Amino acid sequence: MKPAATPWLSPERRRWVILGVVFAAMVLNYVDRQIVSVLKPTLKAEFGLD
């Protein structure tokens, strides 16, 4: 008989991976908002927005 397979990530390590993914998503969201804010004048001129 084969021994039981060990989990790929321990629960402790899985928590840190999830935290890292959530943090990366928050950083990308913040950067995306800043890019849109910086490009606002250009976008207004390009698309004729008011």
PDB file of N, CA and C in Angstrom:
ATOM      1  N   MET A   1       0.828  -1.180   0.000  1.00  0.00           N
ATOM      2  CA  MET A   1       0.000   0.000   0.000  1.00  0.00           C
ATOM      3  C   MET A   1       0.875   1.247   0.000  1.00  0.00           C
ATOM      4  N   LYS A   2       0.403   2.258  -0.698  1.00  0.00           N
ATOM      5  CA  LYS A   2       1.123   3.529  -0.737  1.00  0.00           C
ATOM      6  C   LYS A   2       0.782   4.345   0.502  1.00  0.00           C
ATOM      7  N   PRO A   3       1.744   5.112   0.985  1.00  0.00           N
ATOM      8  CA  PRO A   3       1.404   6.021   2.095  1.00  0.00           C
ATOM      9  C   PRO A   3       0.472   7.120   1.601  1.00  0.00           C
ATOM     10  N   ALA A   4      -0.264   7.702   2.516  1.00  0.00           N
ATOM     11  CA  ALA A   4      -1.197   8.782   2.159  1.00  0.00           C
ATOM     12  C   ALA A   4      -0.418   9.944   1.553  1.00  0.00           C
ATOM     13  N   ALA A   5      -0.985  10.518   0.521  1.00  0.00           N
ATOM     14  CA  ALA A   5      -0.337  11.647  -0.148  1.00  0.00           C
ATOM     15  C   ALA A   5      -0.334  12.857   0.786  1.00  0.00           C
ATOM     16  N   THR A   6       0.798  13.521   0.839  1.00  0.00           N
ATOM     17  CA  THR A   6       0.874  14.730   1.655  1.00  0.00           C
ATOM     18  C   THR A   6       0.283  15.890   0.871  1.00  0.00           C
ATOM     19  N   PRO A   7      -0.367  16.804   1.552  1.00  0.00           N
ATOM     20  CA  PRO A   7      -0.943  17.954   0.832  1.00  0.00           C
ATOM     21  C   PRO A   7       0.155  18.805   0.209  1.00  0.00           C
ATOM     22  N   TRP A   8      -0.155  19.408  -0.932  1.00  0.00           N
ATOM     23  CA  TRP A   8       0.811  20.231  -1.650  1.00  0.00           C
ATOM     24  C   TRP A   8       1.251  21.407  -0.797  1.00  0.00           C
ATOM     25  N   LEU A   9       0.301  22.041  -0.144  1.00  0.00           N
ATOM     26  CA  LEU A   9       0.603  23.167   0.741  1.00  0.00           C
ATOM     27  C   LEU A   9       0.017  22.889   2.118  1.00  0.00           C
ATOM     28  N   SER A  10       0.796  23.163   3.125  1.00  0.00           N
ATOM     29  CA  SER A  10       0.267  23.041   4.480  1.00  0.00           C
ATOM     30  C   SER A  10      -0.736  24.176   4.705  1.00  0.00           C
ATOM     31  N   PRO A  11      -1.633  24.006   5.655  1.00  0.00           N
ATOM     32  CA  PRO A  11      -2.612  25.081   5.909  1.00  0.00           C
ATOM     33  C   PRO A  11      -1.949  26.420   6.227  1.00  0.00           C
ATOM     34  N   GLU A  12      -0.842  26.374   6.966  1.00  0.00           N
ATOM     35  CA  GLU A  12      -0.144  27.623   7.308  1.00  0.00           C
ATOM     36  C   GLU A  12       0.390  28.301   6.054  1.00  0.00           C
ATOM     37  N   ARG A  13       1.008  27.528   5.189  1.00  0.00           N
ATOM     38  CA  ARG A  13       1.565  28.098   3.952  1.00  0.00           C
ATOM     39  C   ARG A  13       0.447  28.557   3.028  1.00  0.00           C
ATOM     40  N   ARG A  14      -0.648  27.825   2.966  1.00  0.00           N
ATOM     41  CA  ARG A  14      -1.785  28.193   2.114  1.00  0.00           C
ATOM     42  C   ARG A  14      -2.336  29.557   2.515  1.00  0.00           C
ATOM     43  N   ARG A  15      -2.367  29.837   3.809  1.00  0.00           N
ATOM     44  CA  ARG A  15      -2.854  31.147   4.277  1.00  0.00           C
ATOM     45  C   ARG A  15      -1.988  32.273   3.737  1.00  0.00           C
ATOM     46  N   TRP A  16      -0.674  32.080   3.761  1.00  0.00           N
ATOM     47  CA  TRP A  16       0.233  33.114   3.266  1.00  0.00           C
ATOM     48  C   TRP A  16       0.104  33.283   1.761  1.00  0.00           C
ATOM     49  N   VAL A  17      -0.120  32.197   1.047  1.00  0.00           N
ATOM     50  CA  VAL A  17      -0.300  32.289  -0.407  1.00  0.00           C
ATOM     51  C   VAL A  17      -1.571  33.069  -0.721  1.00  0.00           C
ATOM     52  N   ILE A  18      -2.653  32.767  -0.016  1.00  0.00           N
ATOM     53  CA  ILE A  18      -3.914  33.487  -0.230  1.00  0.00           C
ATOM     54  C   ILE A  18      -3.743  34.964   0.108  1.00  0.00           C
ATOM     55  N   LEU A  19      -3.065  35.256   1.205  1.00  0.00           N
ATOM     56  CA  LEU A  19      -2.813  36.649   1.572  1.00  0.00           C
ATOM     57  C   LEU A  19      -2.010  37.361   0.486  1.00  0.00           C
ATOM     58  N   GLY A  20      -1.014  36.701  -0.067  1.00  0.00           N
ATOM     59  CA  GLY A  20      -0.209  37.290  -1.138  1.00  0.00           C
ATOM     60  C   GLY A  20      -1.023  37.570  -2.383  1.00  0.00           C
ATOM     61  N   VAL A  21      -1.903  36.650  -2.747  1.00  0.00           N
ATOM     62  CA  VAL A  21      -2.743  36.839  -3.932  1.00  0.00           C
ATOM     63  C   VAL A  21      -3.710  38.002  -3.719  1.00  0.00           C
ATOM     64  N   VAL A  22      -4.319  38.079  -2.552  1.00  0.00           N
ATOM     65  CA  VAL A  22      -5.250  39.174  -2.257  1.00  0.00           C
ATOM     66  C   VAL A  22      -4.507  40.512  -2.253  1.00  0.00           C
ATOM     67  N   PHE A  23      -3.315  40.544  -1.668  1.00  0.00           N
ATOM     68  CA  PHE A  23      -2.525  41.777  -1.646  1.00  0.00           C
ATOM     69  C   PHE A  23      -2.150  42.206  -3.061  1.00  0.00           C
ATOM     70  N   ALA A  24      -1.739  41.256  -3.898  1.00  0.00           N
ATOM     71  CA  ALA A  24      -1.383  41.579  -5.284  1.00  0.00           C
ATOM     72  C   ALA A  24      -2.593  42.125  -6.036  1.00  0.00           C
ATOM     73  N   ALA A  25      -3.774  41.551  -5.809  1.00  0.00           N
ATOM     74  CA  ALA A  25      -4.988  42.040  -6.461  1.00  0.00           C
ATOM     75  C   ALA A  25      -5.307  43.467  -6.016  1.00  0.00           C
ATOM     76  N   MET A  26      -5.112  43.756  -4.738  1.00  0.00           N
ATOM     77  CA  MET A  26      -5.366  45.108  -4.239  1.00  0.00           C
ATOM     78  C   MET A  26      -4.388  46.112  -4.842  1.00  0.00           C
ATOM     79  N   VAL A  27      -3.134  45.730  -4.969  1.00  0.00           N
ATOM     80  CA  VAL A  27      -2.135  46.622  -5.565  1.00  0.00           C
ATOM     81  C   VAL A  27      -2.475  46.890  -7.025  1.00  0.00           C
ATOM     82  N   LEU A  28      -2.837  45.847  -7.774  1.00  0.00           N
ATOM     83  CA  LEU A  28      -3.207  46.036  -9.179  1.00  0.00           C
ATOM     84  C   LEU A  28      -4.436  46.932  -9.312  1.00  0.00           C
ATOM     85  N   ASN A  29      -5.409  46.772  -8.430  1.00  0.00           N
ATOM     86  CA  ASN A  29      -6.599  47.616  -8.449  1.00  0.00           C
ATOM     87  C   ASN A  29      -6.221  49.074  -8.208  1.00  0.00           C
ATOM     88  N   TYR A  30      -5.353  49.331  -7.241  1.00  0.00           N
ATOM     89  CA  TYR A  30      -4.916  50.692  -6.933  1.00  0.00           C
ATOM     90  C   TYR A  30      -4.167  51.303  -8.115  1.00  0.00           C
ATOM     91  N   VAL A  31      -3.244  50.548  -8.699  1.00  0.00           N
ATOM     92  CA  VAL A  31      -2.465  51.048  -9.836  1.00  0.00           C
ATOM     93  C   VAL A  31      -3.387  51.344 -11.013  1.00  0.00           C
ATOM     94  N   ASP A  32      -4.356  50.482 -11.254  1.00  0.00           N
ATOM     95  CA  ASP A  32      -5.293  50.696 -12.356  1.00  0.00           C
ATOM     96  C   ASP A  32      -6.073  51.996 -12.159  1.00  0.00           C
ATOM     97  N   ARG A  33      -6.507  52.258 -10.949  1.00  0.00           N
ATOM     98  CA  ARG A  33      -7.236  53.502 -10.675  1.00  0.00           C
ATOM     99  C   ARG A  33      -6.349  54.718 -10.909  1.00  0.00           C
ATOM    100  N   GLN A  34      -5.096  54.626 -10.519  1.00  0.00           N
ATOM    101  CA  GLN A  34      -4.175  55.747 -10.703  1.00  0.00           C
ATOM    102  C   GLN A  34      -3.901  55.994 -12.185  1.00  0.00           C
ATOM    103  N   ILE A  35      -3.772  54.935 -12.961  1.00  0.00           N
ATOM    104  CA  ILE A  35      -3.518  55.087 -14.399  1.00  0.00           C
ATOM    105  C   ILE A  35      -4.694  55.796 -15.065  1.00  0.00           C
ATOM    106  N   VAL A  36      -5.903  55.386 -14.725  1.00  0.00           N
ATOM    107  CA  VAL A  36      -7.085  56.029 -15.303  1.00  0.00           C
ATOM    108  C   VAL A  36      -7.133  57.498 -14.889  1.00  0.00           C
ATOM    109  N   SER A  37      -6.784  57.789 -13.656  1.00  0.00           N
ATOM    110  CA  SER A  37      -6.785  59.172 -13.182  1.00  0.00           C
ATOM    111  C   SER A  37      -5.753  60.015 -13.930  1.00  0.00           C
ATOM    112  N   VAL A  38      -4.575  59.467 -14.164  1.00  0.00           N
ATOM    113  CA  VAL A  38      -3.522  60.204 -14.872  1.00  0.00           C
ATOM    114  C   VAL A  38      -3.905  60.419 -16.334  1.00  0.00           C
ATOM    115  N   LEU A  39      -4.550  59.441 -16.936  1.00  0.00           N
ATOM    116  CA  LEU A  39      -4.907  59.531 -18.353  1.00  0.00           C
ATOM    117  C   LEU A  39      -6.242  60.228 -18.602  1.00  0.00           C
ATOM    118  N   LYS A  40      -6.897  60.685 -17.557  1.00  0.00           N
ATOM    119  CA  LYS A  40      -8.216  61.302 -17.706  1.00  0.00           C
ATOM    120  C   LYS A  40      -8.232  62.451 -18.708  1.00  0.00           C
ATOM    121  N   PRO A  41      -7.301  63.407 -18.663  1.00  0.00           N
ATOM    122  CA  PRO A  41      -7.335  64.490 -19.652  1.00  0.00           C
ATOM    123  C   PRO A  41      -7.170  63.978 -21.088  1.00  0.00           C
ATOM    124  N   THR A  42      -6.297  63.026 -21.272  1.00  0.00           N
ATOM    125  CA  THR A  42      -6.088  62.462 -22.612  1.00  0.00           C
ATOM    126  C   THR A  42      -7.333  61.730 -23.090  1.00  0.00           C
ATOM    127  N   LEU A  43      -7.947  60.956 -22.210  1.00  0.00           N
ATOM    128  CA  LEU A  43      -9.157  60.223 -22.582  1.00  0.00           C
ATOM    129  C   LEU A  43     -10.309  61.176 -22.892  1.00  0.00           C
ATOM    130  N   LYS A  44     -10.419  62.262 -22.130  1.00  0.00           N
ATOM    131  CA  LYS A  44     -11.468  63.240 -22.397  1.00  0.00           C
ATOM    132  C   LYS A  44     -11.292  63.850 -23.780  1.00  0.00           C
ATOM    133  N   ALA A  45     -10.060  64.198 -24.133  1.00  0.00           N
ATOM    134  CA  ALA A  45      -9.801  64.808 -25.438  1.00  0.00           C
ATOM    135  C   ALA A  45     -10.008  63.799 -26.566  1.00  0.00           C
ATOM    136  N   GLU A  46      -9.573  62.580 -26.347  1.00  0.00           N
ATOM    137  CA  GLU A  46      -9.650  61.550 -27.393  1.00  0.00           C
ATOM    138  C   GLU A  46     -11.089  61.165 -27.717  1.00  0.00           C
ATOM    139  N   PHE A  47     -11.898  60.974 -26.684  1.00  0.00           N
ATOM    140  CA  PHE A  47     -13.259  60.487 -26.892  1.00  0.00           C
ATOM    141  C   PHE A  47     -14.317  61.579 -26.786  1.00  0.00           C
ATOM    142  N   GLY A  48     -13.914  62.805 -26.563  1.00  0.00           N
ATOM    143  CA  GLY A  48     -14.861  63.912 -26.486  1.00  0.00           C
ATOM    144  C   GLY A  48     -15.787  63.810 -25.291  1.00  0.00           C
ATOM    145  N   LEU A  49     -15.274  63.331 -24.183  1.00  0.00           N
ATOM    146  CA  LEU A  49     -16.090  63.187 -22.979  1.00  0.00           C
ATOM    147  C   LEU A  49     -16.160  64.511 -22.237  1.00  0.00           C
ATOM    148  N   ASP A  50     -17.172  64.624 -21.427  1.00  0.00           N
ATOM    149  CA  ASP A  50     -17.334  65.851 -20.653  1.00  0.00           C
ATOM    150  C   ASP A  50     -17.220  65.591 -19.189  1.00  0.00           C
TER     151      ASP A  50
END
